[in-house]
Amino acid sequence: MIKTFIIAAISLDGFIAKNAEDTSTSWTSGADKKFFMERTKQSGVVIMGSTTYSTIGRPLKDRLNIVYSSKITNLEGVELTMKKPADLLSDLETRGYKEVAICGGASIYTMFLEANLVDTLYLTIEPKLFGKGVSLLNKLTNVSLTLATTKHLSKDVLLLEYKVDRSHP
């Protein structure tokens, strides 16, 4: 069975971006960027929405890049999709992939969580407070998690690894 994980950097008050217009990741630490690069390369596949792709601005090297979009029709080095999450993961599994990174944004995170297809969440807690912004999820979702590990990526940056607990709705 293919494994999936969400990977995100969040402010201490729980936001993945300052607002919908400013989705830049310039506020995240070098330690988070390094972890993101290493962990997503291990998986071999990154799935994201078109806004997240636009923020990155290019396909990520050494990974299959899949972008959910109904507006974009052609991006070099990127597979575009509108498949249901289960169908997409099934297709990737038949192609020999064992693990997938869900890289955002909020609607993509929510879509995969609601489909009950996420095994792990990697959340980098950055020492920033925005007060308001873009939440990790874009609607109310009831998911139980179990903390698996904590790790300091740097003096002030904490990585939390949570397993999705499917035994408790």
N, C-alpha and C. Protein backbone atom coordinates (compact mmCIF):
# COMPACT_ATOMS: atom_id res chain seq x y z
N MET A 1 0.85 -1.20 0.00
CA MET A 1 0.00 0.00 0.00
C MET A 1 0.88 1.25 0.00
N ILE A 2 0.60 2.17 -0.88
CA ILE A 2 1.37 3.40 -0.98
C ILE A 2 1.16 4.23 0.29
N LYS A 3 2.22 4.83 0.78
CA LYS A 3 2.18 5.67 1.98
C LYS A 3 2.13 7.13 1.55
N THR A 4 1.39 7.93 2.30
CA THR A 4 1.32 9.36 2.00
C THR A 4 1.60 10.16 3.26
N PHE A 5 2.25 11.29 3.05
CA PHE A 5 2.46 12.19 4.18
C PHE A 5 2.23 13.62 3.75
N ILE A 6 1.71 14.40 4.69
CA ILE A 6 1.59 15.84 4.54
C ILE A 6 2.86 16.44 5.09
N ILE A 7 3.40 17.42 4.38
CA ILE A 7 4.58 18.13 4.85
C ILE A 7 4.28 19.63 4.76
N ALA A 8 4.43 20.32 5.90
CA ALA A 8 4.09 21.74 5.94
C ALA A 8 4.90 22.45 7.00
N ALA A 9 5.16 23.71 6.73
CA ALA A 9 5.72 24.61 7.75
C ALA A 9 4.57 25.49 8.22
N ILE A 10 4.46 25.65 9.54
CA ILE A 10 3.40 26.49 10.07
C ILE A 10 3.99 27.46 11.09
N SER A 11 3.32 28.61 11.18
CA SER A 11 3.69 29.57 12.21
C SER A 11 3.27 29.00 13.56
N LEU A 12 3.77 29.57 14.61
CA LEU A 12 3.43 29.09 15.95
C LEU A 12 1.92 29.18 16.20
N ASP A 13 1.25 30.12 15.53
CA ASP A 13 -0.20 30.22 15.69
C ASP A 13 -0.96 29.48 14.59
N GLY A 14 -0.27 28.58 13.87
CA GLY A 14 -0.95 27.60 13.03
C GLY A 14 -1.22 27.94 11.58
N PHE A 15 -0.53 28.91 11.02
CA PHE A 15 -0.81 29.31 9.65
C PHE A 15 0.30 28.88 8.69
N ILE A 16 -0.09 28.51 7.46
CA ILE A 16 0.89 28.10 6.44
C ILE A 16 1.29 29.26 5.54
N ALA A 17 0.58 30.38 5.63
CA ALA A 17 0.90 31.58 4.86
C ALA A 17 0.27 32.78 5.56
N LYS A 18 0.83 33.96 5.27
CA LYS A 18 0.31 35.18 5.90
C LYS A 18 -1.08 35.52 5.40
N ASN A 19 -1.32 35.32 4.11
CA ASN A 19 -2.64 35.53 3.52
C ASN A 19 -2.68 34.86 2.16
N ALA A 20 -3.85 34.82 1.54
CA ALA A 20 -4.01 34.11 0.27
C ALA A 20 -3.21 34.76 -0.86
N GLU A 21 -2.91 36.04 -0.74
CA GLU A 21 -2.15 36.73 -1.77
C GLU A 21 -0.64 36.58 -1.58
N ASP A 22 -0.21 36.37 -0.34
CA ASP A 22 1.22 36.24 -0.04
C ASP A 22 1.49 34.83 0.48
N THR A 23 1.69 33.90 -0.44
CA THR A 23 1.92 32.51 -0.06
C THR A 23 3.41 32.17 -0.08
N SER A 24 4.25 33.16 -0.13
CA SER A 24 5.69 32.96 -0.15
C SER A 24 6.16 32.16 1.07
N THR A 25 7.19 31.38 0.87
CA THR A 25 7.77 30.64 2.00
C THR A 25 9.05 31.31 2.50
N SER A 26 9.23 32.57 2.18
CA SER A 26 10.44 33.29 2.61
C SER A 26 10.55 33.36 4.13
N TRP A 27 9.45 33.19 4.85
CA TRP A 27 9.44 33.26 6.31
C TRP A 27 9.90 31.96 6.96
N THR A 28 10.01 30.89 6.18
CA THR A 28 10.43 29.61 6.77
C THR A 28 11.95 29.55 6.84
N SER A 29 12.44 28.76 7.77
CA SER A 29 13.88 28.67 8.03
C SER A 29 14.60 27.82 6.99
N GLY A 30 15.90 28.01 6.92
CA GLY A 30 16.74 27.16 6.09
C GLY A 30 16.67 25.72 6.53
N ALA A 31 16.54 25.50 7.84
CA ALA A 31 16.44 24.14 8.37
C ALA A 31 15.18 23.45 7.85
N ASP A 32 14.06 24.18 7.78
CA ASP A 32 12.83 23.61 7.24
C ASP A 32 12.99 23.32 5.75
N LYS A 33 13.57 24.26 5.01
CA LYS A 33 13.75 24.05 3.57
C LYS A 33 14.62 22.82 3.30
N LYS A 34 15.65 22.63 4.12
CA LYS A 34 16.53 21.46 3.97
C LYS A 34 15.74 20.17 4.26
N PHE A 35 14.97 20.15 5.35
CA PHE A 35 14.16 18.97 5.67
C PHE A 35 13.17 18.68 4.55
N PHE A 36 12.50 19.71 4.05
CA PHE A 36 11.53 19.55 2.97
C PHE A 36 12.20 18.91 1.75
N MET A 37 13.33 19.43 1.36
CA MET A 37 14.03 18.92 0.19
C MET A 37 14.41 17.45 0.38
N GLU A 38 15.02 17.14 1.52
CA GLU A 38 15.47 15.77 1.77
C GLU A 38 14.30 14.79 1.86
N ARG A 39 13.26 15.17 2.59
CA ARG A 39 12.14 14.23 2.81
C ARG A 39 11.33 14.02 1.54
N THR A 40 11.13 15.07 0.75
CA THR A 40 10.35 14.90 -0.48
C THR A 40 11.16 14.15 -1.54
N LYS A 41 12.47 14.31 -1.54
CA LYS A 41 13.30 13.52 -2.47
C LYS A 41 13.23 12.04 -2.11
N GLN A 42 13.18 11.72 -0.82
CA GLN A 42 13.04 10.32 -0.39
C GLN A 42 11.77 9.72 -0.94
N SER A 43 10.70 10.48 -0.94
CA SER A 43 9.41 9.95 -1.40
C SER A 43 9.39 9.77 -2.91
N GLY A 44 9.99 10.69 -3.62
CA GLY A 44 10.03 10.60 -5.08
C GLY A 44 8.87 11.25 -5.80
N VAL A 45 7.80 11.58 -5.06
CA VAL A 45 6.61 12.19 -5.66
C VAL A 45 6.14 13.33 -4.78
N VAL A 46 5.82 14.48 -5.39
CA VAL A 46 5.21 15.59 -4.67
C VAL A 46 3.89 15.93 -5.36
N ILE A 47 2.86 16.13 -4.53
CA ILE A 47 1.54 16.50 -5.03
C ILE A 47 1.19 17.84 -4.39
N MET A 48 0.73 18.77 -5.23
CA MET A 48 0.40 20.10 -4.72
C MET A 48 -0.68 20.74 -5.59
N GLY A 49 -1.25 21.80 -5.07
CA GLY A 49 -2.20 22.59 -5.84
C GLY A 49 -1.48 23.61 -6.69
N SER A 50 -2.22 24.28 -7.54
CA SER A 50 -1.61 25.24 -8.47
C SER A 50 -1.05 26.47 -7.76
N THR A 51 -1.65 26.89 -6.65
CA THR A 51 -1.12 28.05 -5.93
C THR A 51 0.23 27.70 -5.31
N THR A 52 0.33 26.52 -4.71
CA THR A 52 1.61 26.08 -4.14
C THR A 52 2.65 25.96 -5.24
N TYR A 53 2.25 25.40 -6.38
CA TYR A 53 3.20 25.29 -7.50
C TYR A 53 3.67 26.68 -7.94
N SER A 54 2.74 27.62 -8.04
CA SER A 54 3.10 28.99 -8.45
C SER A 54 4.06 29.63 -7.46
N THR A 55 3.88 29.32 -6.17
CA THR A 55 4.77 29.85 -5.14
C THR A 55 6.19 29.31 -5.34
N ILE A 56 6.29 28.01 -5.64
CA ILE A 56 7.60 27.40 -5.88
C ILE A 56 8.15 27.89 -7.22
N GLY A 57 7.29 27.94 -8.23
CA GLY A 57 7.66 28.53 -9.50
C GLY A 57 8.35 27.63 -10.51
N ARG A 58 8.59 26.38 -10.14
CA ARG A 58 9.26 25.45 -11.06
C ARG A 58 9.08 24.04 -10.53
N PRO A 59 9.27 23.04 -11.40
CA PRO A 59 9.21 21.66 -10.90
C PRO A 59 10.37 21.40 -9.94
N LEU A 60 10.12 20.61 -8.91
CA LEU A 60 11.17 20.25 -7.96
C LEU A 60 12.00 19.12 -8.56
N LYS A 61 13.31 19.31 -8.56
CA LYS A 61 14.22 18.34 -9.16
C LYS A 61 14.18 17.00 -8.44
N ASP A 62 14.41 15.95 -9.22
CA ASP A 62 14.54 14.59 -8.69
C ASP A 62 13.27 14.06 -8.03
N ARG A 63 12.13 14.62 -8.43
CA ARG A 63 10.83 14.17 -7.92
C ARG A 63 9.80 14.26 -9.04
N LEU A 64 8.85 13.35 -9.05
CA LEU A 64 7.70 13.47 -9.94
C LEU A 64 6.82 14.57 -9.35
N ASN A 65 6.53 15.60 -10.13
CA ASN A 65 5.72 16.73 -9.68
C ASN A 65 4.31 16.59 -10.25
N ILE A 66 3.32 16.51 -9.36
CA ILE A 66 1.92 16.42 -9.78
C ILE A 66 1.20 17.63 -9.22
N VAL A 67 0.51 18.35 -10.10
CA VAL A 67 -0.19 19.58 -9.71
C VAL A 67 -1.68 19.43 -10.00
N TYR A 68 -2.50 19.65 -8.99
CA TYR A 68 -3.94 19.69 -9.17
C TYR A 68 -4.31 21.04 -9.76
N SER A 69 -4.93 21.02 -10.94
CA SER A 69 -5.36 22.28 -11.54
C SER A 69 -6.38 22.01 -12.63
N SER A 70 -7.41 22.83 -12.65
CA SER A 70 -8.38 22.79 -13.74
C SER A 70 -8.13 23.96 -14.69
N LYS A 71 -7.27 24.89 -14.28
CA LYS A 71 -7.02 26.11 -15.07
C LYS A 71 -5.78 25.98 -15.95
N ILE A 72 -4.71 25.41 -15.39
CA ILE A 72 -3.46 25.27 -16.13
C ILE A 72 -3.59 24.07 -17.06
N THR A 73 -3.12 24.24 -18.30
CA THR A 73 -3.25 23.13 -19.26
C THR A 73 -1.92 22.48 -19.61
N ASN A 74 -0.82 23.18 -19.42
CA ASN A 74 0.46 22.59 -19.80
C ASN A 74 1.59 23.22 -18.99
N LEU A 75 2.32 22.39 -18.28
CA LEU A 75 3.50 22.84 -17.55
C LEU A 75 4.61 21.84 -17.82
N GLU A 76 5.73 22.32 -18.29
CA GLU A 76 6.84 21.43 -18.59
C GLU A 76 7.39 20.82 -17.31
N GLY A 77 7.57 19.50 -17.32
CA GLY A 77 8.13 18.81 -16.17
C GLY A 77 7.14 18.53 -15.06
N VAL A 78 5.84 18.72 -15.35
CA VAL A 78 4.80 18.56 -14.34
C VAL A 78 3.67 17.73 -14.92
N GLU A 79 3.11 16.83 -14.11
CA GLU A 79 1.88 16.15 -14.49
C GLU A 79 0.72 16.90 -13.88
N LEU A 80 -0.25 17.24 -14.70
CA LEU A 80 -1.45 17.91 -14.20
C LEU A 80 -2.54 16.87 -13.98
N THR A 81 -3.36 17.08 -12.95
CA THR A 81 -4.41 16.11 -12.64
C THR A 81 -5.62 16.81 -12.05
N MET A 82 -6.73 16.12 -12.16
CA MET A 82 -7.95 16.46 -11.43
C MET A 82 -8.56 15.17 -10.87
N LYS A 83 -7.75 14.10 -10.82
CA LYS A 83 -8.23 12.80 -10.33
C LYS A 83 -8.59 12.88 -8.86
N LYS A 84 -9.51 12.01 -8.46
CA LYS A 84 -9.79 11.85 -7.04
C LYS A 84 -8.52 11.33 -6.38
N PRO A 85 -8.27 11.74 -5.14
CA PRO A 85 -7.04 11.30 -4.47
C PRO A 85 -6.80 9.79 -4.50
N ALA A 86 -7.82 8.99 -4.24
CA ALA A 86 -7.65 7.53 -4.23
C ALA A 86 -7.24 7.02 -5.60
N ASP A 87 -7.84 7.58 -6.66
CA ASP A 87 -7.50 7.16 -8.02
C ASP A 87 -6.07 7.56 -8.37
N LEU A 88 -5.66 8.75 -7.96
CA LEU A 88 -4.30 9.21 -8.23
C LEU A 88 -3.29 8.31 -7.51
N LEU A 89 -3.53 8.01 -6.24
CA LEU A 89 -2.60 7.16 -5.48
C LEU A 89 -2.55 5.75 -6.06
N SER A 90 -3.68 5.24 -6.50
CA SER A 90 -3.72 3.92 -7.12
C SER A 90 -2.88 3.91 -8.40
N ASP A 91 -3.01 4.95 -9.20
CA ASP A 91 -2.23 5.08 -10.43
C ASP A 91 -0.73 5.14 -10.11
N LEU A 92 -0.37 5.92 -9.11
CA LEU A 92 1.05 6.04 -8.73
C LEU A 92 1.60 4.71 -8.23
N GLU A 93 0.76 3.98 -7.48
CA GLU A 93 1.20 2.68 -6.96
C GLU A 93 1.44 1.69 -8.11
N THR A 94 0.58 1.69 -9.12
CA THR A 94 0.78 0.79 -10.26
C THR A 94 2.03 1.17 -11.05
N ARG A 95 2.45 2.42 -10.92
CA ARG A 95 3.67 2.88 -11.59
C ARG A 95 4.92 2.60 -10.74
N GLY A 96 4.72 1.97 -9.58
CA GLY A 96 5.86 1.54 -8.77
C GLY A 96 6.26 2.47 -7.65
N TYR A 97 5.52 3.55 -7.44
CA TYR A 97 5.85 4.47 -6.34
C TYR A 97 5.36 3.89 -5.02
N LYS A 98 6.15 4.11 -3.96
CA LYS A 98 5.84 3.55 -2.64
C LYS A 98 5.39 4.62 -1.64
N GLU A 99 5.74 5.88 -1.95
CA GLU A 99 5.47 6.95 -0.99
C GLU A 99 5.24 8.26 -1.74
N VAL A 100 4.37 9.11 -1.18
CA VAL A 100 3.99 10.36 -1.81
C VAL A 100 3.98 11.47 -0.76
N ALA A 101 4.51 12.64 -1.13
CA ALA A 101 4.47 13.83 -0.28
C ALA A 101 3.35 14.75 -0.74
N ILE A 102 2.45 15.09 0.17
CA ILE A 102 1.39 16.05 -0.11
C ILE A 102 1.91 17.40 0.38
N CYS A 103 2.13 18.32 -0.56
CA CYS A 103 2.87 19.56 -0.26
C CYS A 103 2.01 20.81 -0.18
N GLY A 104 0.70 20.68 -0.25
CA GLY A 104 -0.14 21.85 -0.05
C GLY A 104 -0.84 22.31 -1.30
N GLY A 105 -1.61 23.30 -1.13
CA GLY A 105 -1.93 24.03 0.06
C GLY A 105 -3.10 23.43 0.82
N ALA A 106 -3.82 24.33 1.51
CA ALA A 106 -4.87 23.92 2.44
C ALA A 106 -5.92 23.04 1.79
N SER A 107 -6.36 23.37 0.58
CA SER A 107 -7.42 22.56 -0.06
C SER A 107 -6.90 21.16 -0.42
N ILE A 108 -5.63 21.04 -0.79
CA ILE A 108 -5.06 19.73 -1.13
C ILE A 108 -4.86 18.91 0.15
N TYR A 109 -4.34 19.55 1.20
CA TYR A 109 -4.22 18.85 2.50
C TYR A 109 -5.58 18.32 2.94
N THR A 110 -6.60 19.18 2.88
CA THR A 110 -7.95 18.82 3.32
C THR A 110 -8.51 17.69 2.48
N MET A 111 -8.33 17.78 1.16
CA MET A 111 -8.87 16.76 0.25
C MET A 111 -8.31 15.37 0.57
N PHE A 112 -7.00 15.27 0.81
CA PHE A 112 -6.40 13.97 1.09
C PHE A 112 -6.76 13.48 2.50
N LEU A 113 -6.84 14.40 3.47
CA LEU A 113 -7.27 13.99 4.82
C LEU A 113 -8.71 13.50 4.83
N GLU A 114 -9.59 14.23 4.14
CA GLU A 114 -11.00 13.83 4.09
C GLU A 114 -11.18 12.48 3.42
N ALA A 115 -10.30 12.17 2.46
CA ALA A 115 -10.37 10.87 1.78
C ALA A 115 -9.75 9.76 2.62
N ASN A 116 -9.26 10.11 3.81
CA ASN A 116 -8.64 9.16 4.73
C ASN A 116 -7.43 8.45 4.10
N LEU A 117 -6.61 9.24 3.41
CA LEU A 117 -5.48 8.69 2.67
C LEU A 117 -4.13 9.17 3.19
N VAL A 118 -4.11 9.87 4.31
CA VAL A 118 -2.86 10.39 4.86
C VAL A 118 -2.42 9.50 6.02
N ASP A 119 -1.15 9.10 5.99
CA ASP A 119 -0.60 8.26 7.04
C ASP A 119 0.14 9.08 8.10
N THR A 120 0.85 10.13 7.65
CA THR A 120 1.75 10.88 8.53
C THR A 120 1.67 12.36 8.20
N LEU A 121 1.85 13.19 9.22
CA LEU A 121 2.00 14.64 9.02
C LEU A 121 3.35 15.06 9.57
N TYR A 122 4.11 15.79 8.78
CA TYR A 122 5.34 16.43 9.24
C TYR A 122 5.06 17.92 9.29
N LEU A 123 5.06 18.47 10.50
CA LEU A 123 4.78 19.89 10.68
C LEU A 123 6.01 20.56 11.29
N THR A 124 6.58 21.47 10.55
CA THR A 124 7.68 22.28 11.07
C THR A 124 7.06 23.51 11.73
N ILE A 125 7.33 23.69 13.01
CA ILE A 125 6.82 24.84 13.74
C ILE A 125 7.89 25.93 13.70
N GLU A 126 7.56 27.01 12.99
CA GLU A 126 8.48 28.14 12.86
C GLU A 126 8.18 29.17 13.93
N PRO A 127 9.21 29.83 14.48
CA PRO A 127 9.01 30.82 15.54
C PRO A 127 8.50 32.16 14.99
N LYS A 128 7.30 32.13 14.45
CA LYS A 128 6.66 33.32 13.89
C LYS A 128 5.22 33.35 14.37
N LEU A 129 4.68 34.53 14.54
CA LEU A 129 3.26 34.73 14.84
C LEU A 129 2.68 35.65 13.79
N PHE A 130 1.64 35.20 13.09
CA PHE A 130 1.01 36.01 12.04
C PHE A 130 -0.27 36.69 12.54
N GLY A 131 -0.94 36.11 13.54
CA GLY A 131 -2.21 36.67 14.02
C GLY A 131 -3.39 36.21 13.18
N LYS A 132 -3.21 36.17 11.89
CA LYS A 132 -4.21 35.64 10.97
C LYS A 132 -3.47 35.19 9.73
N GLY A 133 -4.13 34.39 8.92
CA GLY A 133 -3.48 33.90 7.72
C GLY A 133 -4.22 32.71 7.13
N VAL A 134 -3.49 31.92 6.34
CA VAL A 134 -4.05 30.74 5.70
C VAL A 134 -3.83 29.54 6.63
N SER A 135 -4.92 28.90 7.03
CA SER A 135 -4.84 27.75 7.92
C SER A 135 -4.33 26.52 7.17
N LEU A 136 -3.86 25.54 7.92
CA LEU A 136 -3.39 24.29 7.35
C LEU A 136 -4.50 23.61 6.55
N LEU A 137 -5.73 23.67 7.07
CA LEU A 137 -6.89 23.07 6.40
C LEU A 137 -7.89 24.16 6.05
N ASN A 138 -8.66 23.92 4.99
CA ASN A 138 -9.60 24.96 4.56
C ASN A 138 -11.04 24.71 4.99
N LYS A 139 -11.25 23.64 5.78
CA LYS A 139 -12.56 23.42 6.37
C LYS A 139 -12.43 22.50 7.56
N LEU A 140 -13.47 22.45 8.34
CA LEU A 140 -13.48 21.64 9.55
C LEU A 140 -13.32 20.17 9.19
N THR A 141 -12.34 19.54 9.80
CA THR A 141 -12.07 18.13 9.55
C THR A 141 -11.76 17.49 10.90
N ASN A 142 -12.32 16.32 11.15
CA ASN A 142 -12.09 15.64 12.42
C ASN A 142 -11.12 14.49 12.21
N VAL A 143 -9.84 14.73 12.50
CA VAL A 143 -8.80 13.73 12.33
C VAL A 143 -8.04 13.61 13.65
N SER A 144 -7.90 12.40 14.15
CA SER A 144 -7.13 12.16 15.37
C SER A 144 -5.69 11.81 15.00
N LEU A 145 -4.77 12.36 15.76
CA LEU A 145 -3.35 12.16 15.50
C LEU A 145 -2.65 11.65 16.74
N THR A 146 -1.55 10.94 16.52
CA THR A 146 -0.70 10.48 17.61
C THR A 146 0.70 11.01 17.34
N LEU A 147 1.28 11.69 18.33
CA LEU A 147 2.63 12.23 18.16
C LEU A 147 3.63 11.08 18.13
N ALA A 148 4.40 11.01 17.04
CA ALA A 148 5.39 9.93 16.88
C ALA A 148 6.78 10.40 17.31
N THR A 149 7.20 11.57 16.81
CA THR A 149 8.52 12.09 17.18
C THR A 149 8.51 13.61 17.19
N THR A 150 9.46 14.15 17.94
CA THR A 150 9.76 15.58 17.89
C THR A 150 11.25 15.71 17.65
N LYS A 151 11.63 16.73 16.94
CA LYS A 151 13.04 16.94 16.63
C LYS A 151 13.30 18.42 16.43
N HIS A 152 14.38 18.91 17.01
CA HIS A 152 14.80 20.28 16.73
C HIS A 152 15.54 20.30 15.41
N LEU A 153 15.02 21.06 14.44
CA LEU A 153 15.74 21.24 13.17
C LEU A 153 16.82 22.30 13.33
N SER A 154 16.60 23.21 14.26
CA SER A 154 17.59 24.21 14.66
C SER A 154 17.20 24.63 16.07
N LYS A 155 17.91 25.59 16.62
CA LYS A 155 17.66 26.02 18.00
C LYS A 155 16.20 26.41 18.23
N ASP A 156 15.60 27.11 17.26
CA ASP A 156 14.25 27.64 17.44
C ASP A 156 13.17 26.97 16.60
N VAL A 157 13.55 25.99 15.79
CA VAL A 157 12.60 25.36 14.87
C VAL A 157 12.38 23.91 15.27
N LEU A 158 11.10 23.56 15.42
CA LEU A 158 10.74 22.23 15.90
C LEU A 158 9.98 21.48 14.80
N LEU A 159 10.35 20.21 14.60
CA LEU A 159 9.64 19.34 13.68
C LEU A 159 8.81 18.35 14.48
N LEU A 160 7.50 18.30 14.19
CA LEU A 160 6.60 17.35 14.82
C LEU A 160 6.18 16.33 13.77
N GLU A 161 6.29 15.06 14.11
CA GLU A 161 5.82 14.00 13.24
C GLU A 161 4.62 13.34 13.91
N TYR A 162 3.48 13.40 13.25
CA TYR A 162 2.26 12.80 13.75
C TYR A 162 1.82 11.66 12.84
N LYS A 163 1.31 10.59 13.43
CA LYS A 163 0.69 9.50 12.69
C LYS A 163 -0.81 9.72 12.75
N VAL A 164 -1.48 9.48 11.64
CA VAL A 164 -2.93 9.58 11.63
C VAL A 164 -3.48 8.34 12.33
N ASP A 165 -4.32 8.57 13.33
CA ASP A 165 -4.91 7.49 14.11
C ASP A 165 -6.27 7.17 13.51
N ARG A 166 -6.32 6.14 12.71
CA ARG A 166 -7.56 5.78 12.01
C ARG A 166 -8.53 5.01 12.91
N SER A 167 -8.09 4.64 14.12
CA SER A 167 -8.98 3.91 15.03
C SER A 167 -9.91 4.85 15.80
N HIS A 168 -9.61 6.15 15.77
CA HIS A 168 -10.45 7.15 16.45
C HIS A 168 -10.88 8.20 15.44
N PRO A 169 -12.17 8.20 15.09
CA PRO A 169 -12.65 9.20 14.13
C PRO A 169 -12.64 10.59 14.71
